[in-house]
Amino acid sequence: MQPKATSDCLTNLADLQIIASQVLQSVSSLRQAQQISVQQAEADRAVMSEILQYLSNQYPGNGKGGTSQ
């Protein structure tokens, strides 16, 4: 069983990942509406994916695989 602070931190991380995904979707929609290149939107998506992967690797106990810290 994880301490409450760790559990809260992991819950907050999961919430941040959801928010980051929603921000990415919003940014992608705005970029399309403003007719910014598809290549730039894909580059932004790749950067966000790398950030989310980094966060997942730093906090692997968030219910998406890995081990609890």
PDB file of N, CA and C in Angstrom:
ATOM      1  N   MET A   1       0.847  -1.194   0.000  1.00  0.00           N
ATOM      2  CA  MET A   1       0.000   0.000   0.000  1.00  0.00           C
ATOM      3  C   MET A   1       0.885   1.248   0.000  1.00  0.00           C
ATOM      4  N   GLN A   2       0.545   2.175  -0.861  1.00  0.00           N
ATOM      5  CA  GLN A   2       1.349   3.393  -0.979  1.00  0.00           C
ATOM      6  C   GLN A   2       0.885   4.424   0.049  1.00  0.00           C
ATOM      7  N   PRO A   3       1.819   5.232   0.538  1.00  0.00           N
ATOM      8  CA  PRO A   3       1.419   6.340   1.412  1.00  0.00           C
ATOM      9  C   PRO A   3       0.461   7.273   0.676  1.00  0.00           C
ATOM     10  N   LYS A   4      -0.410   7.941   1.439  1.00  0.00           N
ATOM     11  CA  LYS A   4      -1.408   8.815   0.826  1.00  0.00           C
ATOM     12  C   LYS A   4      -0.775   9.894  -0.048  1.00  0.00           C
ATOM     13  N   ALA A   5       0.325  10.488   0.393  1.00  0.00           N
ATOM     14  CA  ALA A   5       0.974  11.544  -0.402  1.00  0.00           C
ATOM     15  C   ALA A   5       1.424  11.001  -1.749  1.00  0.00           C
ATOM     16  N   THR A   6       1.984   9.781  -1.751  1.00  0.00           N
ATOM     17  CA  THR A   6       2.419   9.176  -3.017  1.00  0.00           C
ATOM     18  C   THR A   6       1.220   8.889  -3.897  1.00  0.00           C
ATOM     19  N   SER A   7       0.165   8.360  -3.294  1.00  0.00           N
ATOM     20  CA  SER A   7      -1.056   8.062  -4.044  1.00  0.00           C
ATOM     21  C   SER A   7      -1.645   9.336  -4.644  1.00  0.00           C
ATOM     22  N   ASP A   8      -1.689  10.399  -3.848  1.00  0.00           N
ATOM     23  CA  ASP A   8      -2.201  11.685  -4.343  1.00  0.00           C
ATOM     24  C   ASP A   8      -1.335  12.213  -5.478  1.00  0.00           C
ATOM     25  N   CYS A   9      -0.024  12.074  -5.338  1.00  0.00           N
ATOM     26  CA  CYS A   9       0.902  12.538  -6.377  1.00  0.00           C
ATOM     27  C   CYS A   9       0.661  11.787  -7.677  1.00  0.00           C
ATOM     28  N   LEU A  10       0.465  10.480  -7.575  1.00  0.00           N
ATOM     29  CA  LEU A  10       0.240   9.679  -8.775  1.00  0.00           C
ATOM     30  C   LEU A  10      -1.108  10.010  -9.403  1.00  0.00           C
ATOM     31  N   THR A  11      -2.113  10.276  -8.574  1.00  0.00           N
ATOM     32  CA  THR A  11      -3.415  10.694  -9.094  1.00  0.00           C
ATOM     33  C   THR A  11      -3.276  12.036  -9.800  1.00  0.00           C
ATOM     34  N   ASN A  12      -2.536  12.953  -9.189  1.00  0.00           N
ATOM     35  CA  ASN A  12      -2.314  14.260  -9.813  1.00  0.00           C
ATOM     36  C   ASN A  12      -1.566  14.113 -11.128  1.00  0.00           C
ATOM     37  N   LEU A  13      -0.601  13.197 -11.189  1.00  0.00           N
ATOM     38  CA  LEU A  13       0.138  12.964 -12.427  1.00  0.00           C
ATOM     39  C   LEU A  13      -0.800  12.456 -13.511  1.00  0.00           C
ATOM     40  N   ALA A  14      -1.663  11.521 -13.158  1.00  0.00           N
ATOM     41  CA  ALA A  14      -2.615  10.998 -14.140  1.00  0.00           C
ATOM     42  C   ALA A  14      -3.525  12.122 -14.637  1.00  0.00           C
ATOM     43  N   ASP A  15      -3.969  12.980 -13.719  1.00  0.00           N
ATOM     44  CA  ASP A  15      -4.802  14.125 -14.114  1.00  0.00           C
ATOM     45  C   ASP A  15      -4.031  15.065 -15.040  1.00  0.00           C
ATOM     46  N   LEU A  16      -2.766  15.306 -14.734  1.00  0.00           N
ATOM     47  CA  LEU A  16      -1.942  16.170 -15.586  1.00  0.00           C
ATOM     48  C   LEU A  16      -1.764  15.582 -16.974  1.00  0.00           C
ATOM     49  N   GLN A  17      -1.626  14.263 -17.045  1.00  0.00           N
ATOM     50  CA  GLN A  17      -1.479  13.626 -18.351  1.00  0.00           C
ATOM     51  C   GLN A  17      -2.753  13.788 -19.172  1.00  0.00           C
ATOM     52  N   ILE A  18      -3.910  13.666 -18.530  1.00  0.00           N
ATOM     53  CA  ILE A  18      -5.188  13.862 -19.226  1.00  0.00           C
ATOM     54  C   ILE A  18      -5.297  15.306 -19.711  1.00  0.00           C
ATOM     55  N   ILE A  19      -4.969  16.251 -18.834  1.00  0.00           N
ATOM     56  CA  ILE A  19      -5.035  17.667 -19.206  1.00  0.00           C
ATOM     57  C   ILE A  19      -4.071  17.963 -20.350  1.00  0.00           C
ATOM     58  N   ALA A  20      -2.858  17.420 -20.279  1.00  0.00           N
ATOM     59  CA  ALA A  20      -1.878  17.643 -21.346  1.00  0.00           C
ATOM     60  C   ALA A  20      -2.395  17.112 -22.672  1.00  0.00           C
ATOM     61  N   SER A  21      -3.049  15.957 -22.637  1.00  0.00           N
ATOM     62  CA  SER A  21      -3.616  15.397 -23.866  1.00  0.00           C
ATOM     63  C   SER A  21      -4.717  16.299 -24.411  1.00  0.00           C
ATOM     64  N   GLN A  22      -5.556  16.835 -23.517  1.00  0.00           N
ATOM     65  CA  GLN A  22      -6.623  17.734 -23.949  1.00  0.00           C
ATOM     66  C   GLN A  22      -6.054  19.027 -24.521  1.00  0.00           C
ATOM     67  N   VAL A  23      -5.006  19.552 -23.895  1.00  0.00           N
ATOM     68  CA  VAL A  23      -4.351  20.756 -24.412  1.00  0.00           C
ATOM     69  C   VAL A  23      -3.795  20.486 -25.799  1.00  0.00           C
ATOM     70  N   LEU A  24      -3.159  19.330 -25.957  1.00  0.00           N
ATOM     71  CA  LEU A  24      -2.605  18.967 -27.262  1.00  0.00           C
ATOM     72  C   LEU A  24      -3.706  18.919 -28.317  1.00  0.00           C
ATOM     73  N   GLN A  25      -4.848  18.320 -27.983  1.00  0.00           N
ATOM     74  CA  GLN A  25      -5.954  18.261 -28.939  1.00  0.00           C
ATOM     75  C   GLN A  25      -6.449  19.661 -29.285  1.00  0.00           C
ATOM     76  N   SER A  26      -6.548  20.526 -28.296  1.00  0.00           N
ATOM     77  CA  SER A  26      -6.991  21.901 -28.540  1.00  0.00           C
ATOM     78  C   SER A  26      -6.000  22.659 -29.411  1.00  0.00           C
ATOM     79  N   VAL A  27      -4.717  22.499 -29.109  1.00  0.00           N
ATOM     80  CA  VAL A  27      -3.681  23.166 -29.902  1.00  0.00           C
ATOM     81  C   VAL A  27      -3.734  22.678 -31.343  1.00  0.00           C
ATOM     82  N   SER A  28      -3.888  21.372 -31.515  1.00  0.00           N
ATOM     83  CA  SER A  28      -3.954  20.819 -32.868  1.00  0.00           C
ATOM     84  C   SER A  28      -5.144  21.397 -33.634  1.00  0.00           C
ATOM     85  N   SER A  29      -6.294  21.505 -32.972  1.00  0.00           N
ATOM     86  CA  SER A  29      -7.482  22.063 -33.623  1.00  0.00           C
ATOM     87  C   SER A  29      -7.270  23.526 -33.997  1.00  0.00           C
ATOM     88  N   LEU A  30      -6.682  24.290 -33.088  1.00  0.00           N
ATOM     89  CA  LEU A  30      -6.423  25.705 -33.378  1.00  0.00           C
ATOM     90  C   LEU A  30      -5.439  25.867 -34.524  1.00  0.00           C
ATOM     91  N   ARG A  31      -4.420  25.038 -34.540  1.00  0.00           N
ATOM     92  CA  ARG A  31      -3.432  25.118 -35.620  1.00  0.00           C
ATOM     93  C   ARG A  31      -4.089  24.832 -36.967  1.00  0.00           C
ATOM     94  N   GLN A  32      -4.966  23.851 -37.004  1.00  0.00           N
ATOM     95  CA  GLN A  32      -5.655  23.547 -38.262  1.00  0.00           C
ATOM     96  C   GLN A  32      -6.549  24.708 -38.667  1.00  0.00           C
ATOM     97  N   ALA A  33      -7.263  25.266 -37.696  1.00  0.00           N
ATOM     98  CA  ALA A  33      -8.160  26.385 -37.991  1.00  0.00           C
ATOM     99  C   ALA A  33      -7.377  27.583 -38.519  1.00  0.00           C
ATOM    100  N   GLN A  34      -6.173  27.755 -38.048  1.00  0.00           N
ATOM    101  CA  GLN A  34      -5.332  28.871 -38.487  1.00  0.00           C
ATOM    102  C   GLN A  34      -4.485  28.496 -39.695  1.00  0.00           C
ATOM    103  N   GLN A  35      -4.696  27.326 -40.224  1.00  0.00           N
ATOM    104  CA  GLN A  35      -3.994  26.823 -41.409  1.00  0.00           C
ATOM    105  C   GLN A  35      -2.478  26.793 -41.230  1.00  0.00           C
ATOM    106  N   ILE A  36      -2.059  26.434 -40.005  1.00  0.00           N
ATOM    107  CA  ILE A  36      -0.628  26.224 -39.768  1.00  0.00           C
ATOM    108  C   ILE A  36      -0.300  24.832 -40.276  1.00  0.00           C
ATOM    109  N   SER A  37       0.887  24.638 -40.759  1.00  0.00           N
ATOM    110  CA  SER A  37       1.257  23.410 -41.452  1.00  0.00           C
ATOM    111  C   SER A  37       1.039  22.149 -40.622  1.00  0.00           C
ATOM    112  N   VAL A  38       0.690  21.074 -41.307  1.00  0.00           N
ATOM    113  CA  VAL A  38       0.522  19.775 -40.675  1.00  0.00           C
ATOM    114  C   VAL A  38       1.845  19.328 -40.052  1.00  0.00           C
ATOM    115  N   GLN A  39       2.945  19.656 -40.694  1.00  0.00           N
ATOM    116  CA  GLN A  39       4.246  19.266 -40.156  1.00  0.00           C
ATOM    117  C   GLN A  39       4.491  19.878 -38.778  1.00  0.00           C
ATOM    118  N   GLN A  40       4.098  21.123 -38.586  1.00  0.00           N
ATOM    119  CA  GLN A  40       4.294  21.762 -37.284  1.00  0.00           C
ATOM    120  C   GLN A  40       3.403  21.114 -36.230  1.00  0.00           C
ATOM    121  N   ALA A  41       2.163  20.807 -36.586  1.00  0.00           N
ATOM    122  CA  ALA A  41       1.263  20.145 -35.640  1.00  0.00           C
ATOM    123  C   ALA A  41       1.816  18.780 -35.238  1.00  0.00           C
ATOM    124  N   GLU A  42       2.374  18.043 -36.201  1.00  0.00           N
ATOM    125  CA  GLU A  42       2.958  16.738 -35.891  1.00  0.00           C
ATOM    126  C   GLU A  42       4.187  16.887 -34.999  1.00  0.00           C
ATOM    127  N   ALA A  43       4.975  17.925 -35.225  1.00  0.00           N
ATOM    128  CA  ALA A  43       6.143  18.166 -34.375  1.00  0.00           C
ATOM    129  C   ALA A  43       5.702  18.475 -32.945  1.00  0.00           C
ATOM    130  N   ASP A  44       4.655  19.287 -32.797  1.00  0.00           N
ATOM    131  CA  ASP A  44       4.121  19.598 -31.470  1.00  0.00           C
ATOM    132  C   ASP A  44       3.620  18.333 -30.784  1.00  0.00           C
ATOM    133  N   ARG A  45       2.923  17.492 -31.531  1.00  0.00           N
ATOM    134  CA  ARG A  45       2.392  16.240 -30.987  1.00  0.00           C
ATOM    135  C   ARG A  45       3.545  15.334 -30.530  1.00  0.00           C
ATOM    136  N   ALA A  46       4.611  15.282 -31.316  1.00  0.00           N
ATOM    137  CA  ALA A  46       5.761  14.450 -30.960  1.00  0.00           C
ATOM    138  C   ALA A  46       6.412  14.947 -29.669  1.00  0.00           C
ATOM    139  N   VAL A  47       6.534  16.266 -29.532  1.00  0.00           N
ATOM    140  CA  VAL A  47       7.118  16.828 -28.313  1.00  0.00           C
ATOM    141  C   VAL A  47       6.241  16.506 -27.111  1.00  0.00           C
ATOM    142  N   MET A  48       4.929  16.681 -27.225  1.00  0.00           N
ATOM    143  CA  MET A  48       4.030  16.382 -26.115  1.00  0.00           C
ATOM    144  C   MET A  48       4.085  14.895 -25.772  1.00  0.00           C
ATOM    145  N   SER A  49       4.159  14.043 -26.785  1.00  0.00           N
ATOM    146  CA  SER A  49       4.257  12.604 -26.535  1.00  0.00           C
ATOM    147  C   SER A  49       5.528  12.274 -25.765  1.00  0.00           C
ATOM    148  N   GLU A  50       6.622  12.930 -26.123  1.00  0.00           N
ATOM    149  CA  GLU A  50       7.879  12.705 -25.400  1.00  0.00           C
ATOM    150  C   GLU A  50       7.765  13.170 -23.953  1.00  0.00           C
ATOM    151  N   ILE A  51       7.101  14.293 -23.729  1.00  0.00           N
ATOM    152  CA  ILE A  51       6.908  14.792 -22.364  1.00  0.00           C
ATOM    153  C   ILE A  51       6.066  13.809 -21.560  1.00  0.00           C
ATOM    154  N   LEU A  52       4.970  13.335 -22.145  1.00  0.00           N
ATOM    155  CA  LEU A  52       4.113  12.379 -21.445  1.00  0.00           C
ATOM    156  C   LEU A  52       4.861  11.080 -21.162  1.00  0.00           C
ATOM    157  N   GLN A  53       5.676  10.618 -22.106  1.00  0.00           N
ATOM    158  CA  GLN A  53       6.466   9.403 -21.895  1.00  0.00           C
ATOM    159  C   GLN A  53       7.466   9.614 -20.762  1.00  0.00           C
ATOM    160  N   TYR A  54       8.093  10.777 -20.738  1.00  0.00           N
ATOM    161  CA  TYR A  54       9.044  11.091 -19.668  1.00  0.00           C
ATOM    162  C   TYR A  54       8.349  11.057 -18.307  1.00  0.00           C
ATOM    163  N   LEU A  55       7.177  11.697 -18.227  1.00  0.00           N
ATOM    164  CA  LEU A  55       6.438  11.702 -16.963  1.00  0.00           C
ATOM    165  C   LEU A  55       6.053  10.290 -16.550  1.00  0.00           C
ATOM    166  N   SER A  56       5.621   9.485 -17.503  1.00  0.00           N
ATOM    167  CA  SER A  56       5.253   8.102 -17.205  1.00  0.00           C
ATOM    168  C   SER A  56       6.456   7.320 -16.693  1.00  0.00           C
ATOM    169  N   ASN A  57       7.621   7.566 -17.264  1.00  0.00           N
ATOM    170  CA  ASN A  57       8.831   6.875 -16.821  1.00  0.00           C
ATOM    171  C   ASN A  57       9.277   7.350 -15.443  1.00  0.00           C
ATOM    172  N   GLN A  58       9.044   8.617 -15.131  1.00  0.00           N
ATOM    173  CA  GLN A  58       9.431   9.148 -13.826  1.00  0.00           C
ATOM    174  C   GLN A  58       8.510   8.647 -12.721  1.00  0.00           C
ATOM    175  N   TYR A  59       7.245   8.413 -13.071  1.00  0.00           N
ATOM    176  CA  TYR A  59       6.238   7.987 -12.097  1.00  0.00           C
ATOM    177  C   TYR A  59       5.522   6.750 -12.632  1.00  0.00           C
ATOM    178  N   PRO A  60       6.208   5.606 -12.683  1.00  0.00           N
ATOM    179  CA  PRO A  60       5.632   4.416 -13.325  1.00  0.00           C
ATOM    180  C   PRO A  60       4.489   3.784 -12.541  1.00  0.00           C
ATOM    181  N   GLY A  61       4.261   4.151 -11.303  1.00  0.00           N
ATOM    182  CA  GLY A  61       3.219   3.529 -10.502  1.00  0.00           C
ATOM    183  C   GLY A  61       1.863   4.180 -10.651  1.00  0.00           C
ATOM    184  N   ASN A  62       1.547   4.746 -11.802  1.00  0.00           N
ATOM    185  CA  ASN A  62       0.281   5.469 -11.979  1.00  0.00           C
ATOM    186  C   ASN A  62      -0.802   4.611 -12.608  1.00  0.00           C
ATOM    187  N   GLY A  63      -0.668   3.287 -12.530  1.00  0.00           N
ATOM    188  CA  GLY A  63      -1.703   2.408 -13.048  1.00  0.00           C
ATOM    189  C   GLY A  63      -1.556   2.086 -14.513  1.00  0.00           C
ATOM    190  N   LYS A  64      -0.481   2.502 -15.133  1.00  0.00           N
ATOM    191  CA  LYS A  64      -0.283   2.241 -16.560  1.00  0.00           C
ATOM    192  C   LYS A  64       0.980   1.420 -16.767  1.00  0.00           C
ATOM    193  N   GLY A  65       1.234   0.494 -15.856  1.00  0.00           N
ATOM    194  CA  GLY A  65       2.412  -0.345 -15.982  1.00  0.00           C
ATOM    195  C   GLY A  65       3.525   0.136 -15.080  1.00  0.00           C
ATOM    196  N   GLY A  66       4.610  -0.590 -15.082  1.00  0.00           N
ATOM    197  CA  GLY A  66       5.736  -0.231 -14.238  1.00  0.00           C
ATOM    198  C   GLY A  66       5.532  -0.713 -12.822  1.00  0.00           C
ATOM    199  N   THR A  67       6.382  -0.275 -11.934  1.00  0.00           N
ATOM    200  CA  THR A  67       6.304  -0.686 -10.538  1.00  0.00           C
ATOM    201  C   THR A  67       6.055   0.522  -9.663  1.00  0.00           C
ATOM    202  N   SER A  68       5.481   0.274  -8.506  1.00  0.00           N
ATOM    203  CA  SER A  68       5.232   1.363  -7.566  1.00  0.00           C
ATOM    204  C   SER A  68       6.534   1.806  -6.943  1.00  0.00           C
ATOM    205  N   GLN A  69       6.616   3.092  -6.670  1.00  0.00           N
ATOM    206  CA  GLN A  69       7.826   3.617  -6.029  1.00  0.00           C
ATOM    207  C   GLN A  69       7.618   3.686  -4.537  1.00  0.00           C
TER     208      GLN A  69
END
